[in-house]
Amino acid sequence: MEVKILNEYIKKGSLIKKSPDIHMAASLIDVALITAKTAMNIPLKEGNAIVIFRELYESLRQLGDAKLWKMGYEARQHEPSIKILTYSIISNPLALNRLDRFRLIRNDANYRGYKITLSQANDIVEFWTKYGEEIIKWVKL
């Protein structure tokens, strides 16, 4: 992520400069993997779409937090955590454009009472299935 973008997040209060913390990063990665594995083991249906979506989103956010901690930053909002993941090296970089849409869907669900659809939950499940391992590998670099 460019220094200019990092500085904009710091100025907005979305990001705080800290010392790099590889232990925090490792813990966040572990928790993200446990959460994602659990979510992926739940059969997806309309009644639990919101739970699966939120938990997979949370796993992605935690991976973004982990990468930021490795770089010496602490996210105070979700936007920088998701933004850093758009720099991931994956087989289909265009797919990373879906990450901010996932953030907005989650915000609508959490703060506006928006009901997450089966299709939206399926979209994040598909994303995690295709790119989760590649993102994890990049975060661990």
Protein backbone atom coordinates (compact mmCIF):
# COMPACT_ATOMS: atom_id res chain seq x y z
CA MET A 1 0.00 0.00 0.00
CA GLU A 2 1.38 3.40 -0.91
CA VAL A 3 2.61 5.68 1.87
CA LYS A 4 0.18 8.37 0.69
CA ILE A 5 -2.82 6.09 1.31
CA LEU A 6 -1.47 4.97 4.69
CA ASN A 7 -0.99 8.61 5.71
CA GLU A 8 -4.55 9.46 4.63
CA TYR A 9 -5.90 6.68 6.85
CA ILE A 10 -3.73 7.91 9.74
CA LYS A 11 -5.00 11.46 9.24
CA LYS A 12 -8.63 10.19 9.29
CA GLY A 13 -7.96 8.18 12.45
CA SER A 14 -8.60 4.87 10.68
CA LEU A 15 -5.04 3.69 11.18
CA ILE A 16 -2.45 4.16 13.91
CA LYS A 17 1.33 3.76 13.46
CA LYS A 18 2.68 1.10 15.82
CA SER A 19 5.68 -1.16 16.07
CA PRO A 20 5.37 -4.24 13.87
CA ASP A 21 3.91 -7.13 15.88
CA ILE A 22 4.38 -10.53 14.28
CA HIS A 23 2.82 -12.30 17.27
CA MET A 24 -0.39 -10.27 16.94
CA ALA A 25 -0.37 -10.96 13.20
CA ALA A 26 0.07 -14.71 13.75
CA SER A 27 -2.76 -14.77 16.28
CA LEU A 28 -5.09 -12.91 13.92
CA ILE A 29 -4.24 -15.32 11.11
CA ASP A 30 -4.96 -18.31 13.37
CA VAL A 31 -8.31 -16.93 14.48
CA ALA A 32 -9.26 -15.99 10.90
CA LEU A 33 -8.56 -19.54 9.75
CA ILE A 34 -10.56 -21.11 12.58
CA THR A 35 -13.48 -18.77 11.92
CA ALA A 36 -13.44 -19.32 8.16
CA LYS A 37 -13.17 -23.10 8.51
CA THR A 38 -16.14 -23.12 10.89
CA ALA A 39 -18.22 -20.90 8.59
CA MET A 40 -17.37 -23.03 5.57
CA ASN A 41 -18.57 -26.17 7.40
CA ILE A 42 -22.07 -24.74 7.86
CA PRO A 43 -24.39 -25.73 5.01
CA LEU A 44 -25.38 -22.47 3.32
CA LYS A 45 -29.10 -21.71 3.28
CA GLU A 46 -31.22 -18.59 3.42
CA GLY A 47 -31.68 -18.75 7.19
CA ASN A 48 -27.96 -18.62 7.94
CA ALA A 49 -26.67 -16.55 5.02
CA ILE A 50 -26.03 -13.56 7.27
CA VAL A 51 -23.97 -15.60 9.75
CA ILE A 52 -21.81 -17.19 7.07
CA PHE A 53 -21.31 -13.87 5.27
CA ARG A 54 -20.36 -12.01 8.44
CA GLU A 55 -17.93 -14.66 9.62
CA LEU A 56 -16.15 -14.97 6.27
CA TYR A 57 -15.99 -11.18 6.04
CA GLU A 58 -14.59 -11.10 9.58
CA SER A 59 -11.93 -13.63 8.58
CA LEU A 60 -10.92 -11.45 5.63
CA ARG A 61 -10.80 -8.35 7.83
CA GLN A 62 -8.63 -10.16 10.37
CA LEU A 63 -6.23 -11.17 7.61
CA GLY A 64 -6.03 -7.52 6.59
CA ASP A 65 -5.40 -6.56 10.21
CA ALA A 66 -2.64 -9.19 10.37
CA LYS A 67 -0.89 -7.74 7.32
CA LEU A 68 -1.14 -4.24 8.78
CA TRP A 69 0.30 -5.39 12.13
CA LYS A 70 3.22 -6.95 10.27
CA MET A 71 3.79 -3.57 8.61
CA GLY A 72 3.55 -1.70 11.92
CA TYR A 73 -0.02 -0.38 11.79
CA GLU A 74 -3.20 -0.96 13.78
CA ALA A 75 -6.52 -0.51 11.99
CA ARG A 76 -9.22 1.37 13.90
CA GLN A 77 -11.83 0.89 11.18
CA HIS A 78 -12.47 -1.85 8.65
CA GLU A 79 -11.65 0.16 5.53
CA PRO A 80 -7.82 0.00 5.80
CA SER A 81 -7.98 -3.69 6.74
CA ILE A 82 -9.91 -4.48 3.58
CA LYS A 83 -7.93 -2.02 1.43
CA ILE A 84 -4.61 -3.69 2.26
CA LEU A 85 -6.00 -6.98 0.95
CA THR A 86 -6.53 -5.41 -2.47
CA TYR A 87 -2.73 -5.54 -2.79
CA SER A 88 -2.74 -9.33 -2.36
CA ILE A 89 -1.00 -11.36 -5.02
CA ILE A 90 -3.61 -13.82 -6.26
CA SER A 91 -4.30 -15.65 -9.51
CA ASN A 92 -7.13 -13.26 -10.47
CA PRO A 93 -6.30 -9.74 -9.20
CA LEU A 94 -9.61 -8.37 -10.54
CA ALA A 95 -11.45 -10.50 -7.97
CA LEU A 96 -9.97 -8.29 -5.24
CA ASN A 97 -12.38 -5.54 -6.35
CA ARG A 98 -15.11 -7.55 -4.61
CA LEU A 99 -13.59 -6.96 -1.18
CA ASP A 100 -14.87 -3.42 -0.68
CA ARG A 101 -18.33 -4.51 -1.82
CA PHE A 102 -18.25 -7.19 0.89
CA ARG A 103 -17.35 -4.47 3.43
CA LEU A 104 -20.28 -2.31 2.34
CA ILE A 105 -22.71 -5.25 2.45
CA ARG A 106 -21.55 -6.10 5.97
CA ASN A 107 -21.93 -2.46 7.06
CA ASP A 108 -25.46 -2.33 5.65
CA ALA A 109 -26.34 -5.53 7.49
CA ASN A 110 -24.81 -4.46 10.81
CA TYR A 111 -25.82 -0.80 10.90
CA ARG A 112 -28.89 -0.51 8.67
CA GLY A 113 -30.66 -3.79 9.24
CA TYR A 114 -30.11 -4.95 5.66
CA LYS A 115 -30.77 -8.67 5.16
CA ILE A 116 -27.91 -10.48 3.46
CA THR A 117 -29.19 -12.61 0.62
CA LEU A 118 -28.29 -16.18 -0.17
CA SER A 119 -26.66 -14.92 -3.37
CA GLN A 120 -24.44 -12.47 -1.47
CA ALA A 121 -23.42 -15.15 1.02
CA ASN A 122 -22.70 -17.52 -1.85
CA ASP A 123 -20.52 -14.82 -3.43
CA ILE A 124 -18.27 -14.51 -0.38
CA VAL A 125 -18.17 -18.31 0.04
CA GLU A 126 -17.08 -18.63 -3.58
CA PHE A 127 -14.48 -15.87 -3.09
CA TRP A 128 -13.06 -17.55 0.01
CA THR A 129 -13.00 -20.95 -1.70
CA LYS A 130 -11.12 -19.61 -4.72
CA TYR A 131 -8.79 -17.06 -3.15
CA GLY A 132 -8.64 -17.59 0.61
CA GLU A 133 -5.47 -19.69 0.55
CA GLU A 134 -3.74 -17.29 -1.84
CA ILE A 135 -4.58 -14.32 0.38
CA ILE A 136 -3.36 -16.18 3.48
CA LYS A 137 -0.08 -16.96 1.73
CA TRP A 138 0.35 -13.28 0.79
CA VAL A 139 -0.47 -12.09 4.32
CA LYS A 140 2.16 -14.46 5.72
CA LEU A 141 4.92 -13.08 3.41
